[in-house]
């Protein structure tokens, strides 16, 4: 898995679309995304290769990184 930033949310996923789907409800409720399709389309998962070392090697599916 690779690191992606979606807005301010760090997600580890295989694809940017997976990262976007995980992070979107943390940014805004789904009801708001449904009303703002242009905002949804504009939401980007930006690849962050410098953060790849933070991936949990035991993870088997995409996840949101916890920065506790």
C-alpha atoms as a PDB file:
ATOM      1  CA  UNK A   1       0.000   0.000   0.000  1.00  0.00           C
ATOM      2  CA  UNK A   2       1.011   3.576  -0.580  1.00  0.00           C
ATOM      3  CA  UNK A   3       0.486   6.844   1.292  1.00  0.00           C
ATOM      4  CA  UNK A   4      -2.061   9.384   0.053  1.00  0.00           C
ATOM      5  CA  UNK A   5      -3.205  12.693   1.515  1.00  0.00           C
ATOM      6  CA  UNK A   6      -6.845  13.562   0.966  1.00  0.00           C
ATOM      7  CA  UNK A   7      -7.297  17.083   2.278  1.00  0.00           C
ATOM      8  CA  UNK A   8      -5.554  16.620   5.663  1.00  0.00           C
ATOM      9  CA  UNK A   9      -6.308  12.918   6.064  1.00  0.00           C
ATOM     10  CA  UNK A  10      -3.459  10.426   5.602  1.00  0.00           C
ATOM     11  CA  UNK A  11      -4.648   7.188   4.041  1.00  0.00           C
ATOM     12  CA  UNK A  12      -2.795   4.047   3.035  1.00  0.00           C
ATOM     13  CA  UNK A  13      -4.317   2.383  -0.011  1.00  0.00           C
ATOM     14  CA  UNK A  14      -3.428   0.729  -3.297  1.00  0.00           C
ATOM     15  CA  UNK A  15      -5.151   3.408  -5.365  1.00  0.00           C
ATOM     16  CA  UNK A  16      -6.036   7.060  -4.938  1.00  0.00           C
ATOM     17  CA  UNK A  17      -9.723   6.310  -5.475  1.00  0.00           C
ATOM     18  CA  UNK A  18      -9.691   3.972  -2.466  1.00  0.00           C
ATOM     19  CA  UNK A  19      -8.027   6.671  -0.375  1.00  0.00           C
ATOM     20  CA  UNK A  20     -10.614   9.234  -1.472  1.00  0.00           C
ATOM     21  CA  UNK A  21     -13.524   6.946  -0.568  1.00  0.00           C
ATOM     22  CA  UNK A  22     -12.130   6.311   2.933  1.00  0.00           C
ATOM     23  CA  UNK A  23     -11.279   9.929   3.704  1.00  0.00           C
ATOM     24  CA  UNK A  24     -14.315  11.702   2.226  1.00  0.00           C
ATOM     25  CA  UNK A  25     -16.756  10.992   5.096  1.00  0.00           C
ATOM     26  CA  UNK A  26     -14.215  12.349   7.592  1.00  0.00           C
ATOM     27  CA  UNK A  27     -14.045  15.602   5.645  1.00  0.00           C
ATOM     28  CA  UNK A  28     -17.801  16.061   5.089  1.00  0.00           C
ATOM     29  CA  UNK A  29     -20.902  13.907   5.605  1.00  0.00           C
ATOM     30  CA  UNK A  30     -22.018  11.864   2.566  1.00  0.00           C
ATOM     31  CA  UNK A  31     -25.212  13.914   2.354  1.00  0.00           C
ATOM     32  CA  UNK A  32     -23.138  17.043   1.668  1.00  0.00           C
ATOM     33  CA  UNK A  33     -21.051  15.251  -0.962  1.00  0.00           C
ATOM     34  CA  UNK A  34     -24.254  14.178  -2.728  1.00  0.00           C
ATOM     35  CA  UNK A  35     -25.340  17.810  -2.904  1.00  0.00           C
ATOM     36  CA  UNK A  36     -21.889  19.019  -4.014  1.00  0.00           C
ATOM     37  CA  UNK A  37     -20.901  16.733  -6.860  1.00  0.00           C
ATOM     38  CA  UNK A  38     -18.384  19.287  -8.146  1.00  0.00           C
ATOM     39  CA  UNK A  39     -16.697  19.265  -4.734  1.00  0.00           C
ATOM     40  CA  UNK A  40     -16.554  15.477  -4.793  1.00  0.00           C
ATOM     41  CA  UNK A  41     -14.977  15.491  -8.251  1.00  0.00           C
ATOM     42  CA  UNK A  42     -12.463  18.134  -7.123  1.00  0.00           C
ATOM     43  CA  UNK A  43     -11.451  16.108  -4.053  1.00  0.00           C
ATOM     44  CA  UNK A  44      -8.038  14.633  -4.780  1.00  0.00           C
ATOM     45  CA  UNK A  45      -5.914  11.936  -3.245  1.00  0.00           C
ATOM     46  CA  UNK A  46      -2.379  13.274  -3.489  1.00  0.00           C
ATOM     47  CA  UNK A  47       0.373  10.669  -3.527  1.00  0.00           C
ATOM     48  CA  UNK A  48       2.885  11.115  -0.669  1.00  0.00           C
ATOM     49  CA  UNK A  49       5.763   8.660  -1.280  1.00  0.00           C
ATOM     50  CA  UNK A  50       7.812  10.199   1.540  1.00  0.00           C
ATOM     51  CA  UNK A  51       5.191   8.867   3.994  1.00  0.00           C
ATOM     52  CA  UNK A  52       5.219   5.295   2.643  1.00  0.00           C
ATOM     53  CA  UNK A  53       7.502   4.112   5.489  1.00  0.00           C
ATOM     54  CA  UNK A  54       4.636   4.764   7.948  1.00  0.00           C
ATOM     55  CA  UNK A  55       2.511   1.973   6.449  1.00  0.00           C
ATOM     56  CA  UNK A  56       1.485  -0.818   8.783  1.00  0.00           C
ATOM     57  CA  UNK A  57       3.170  -3.891   7.257  1.00  0.00           C
ATOM     58  CA  UNK A  58       0.440  -6.129   8.715  1.00  0.00           C
ATOM     59  CA  UNK A  59      -2.419  -4.224   7.048  1.00  0.00           C
ATOM     60  CA  UNK A  60      -4.270  -6.170   4.388  1.00  0.00           C
ATOM     61  CA  UNK A  61      -6.795  -3.525   3.337  1.00  0.00           C
ATOM     62  CA  UNK A  62      -6.779   0.258   2.914  1.00  0.00           C
ATOM     63  CA  UNK A  63      -6.943   2.268   6.134  1.00  0.00           C
ATOM     64  CA  UNK A  64      -6.776   5.747   7.603  1.00  0.00           C
ATOM     65  CA  UNK A  65      -3.528   6.373   9.418  1.00  0.00           C
ATOM     66  CA  UNK A  66      -3.947   7.286  13.070  1.00  0.00           C
ATOM     67  CA  UNK A  67      -1.546   9.942  14.290  1.00  0.00           C
ATOM     68  CA  UNK A  68      -2.140   9.407  17.999  1.00  0.00           C
END
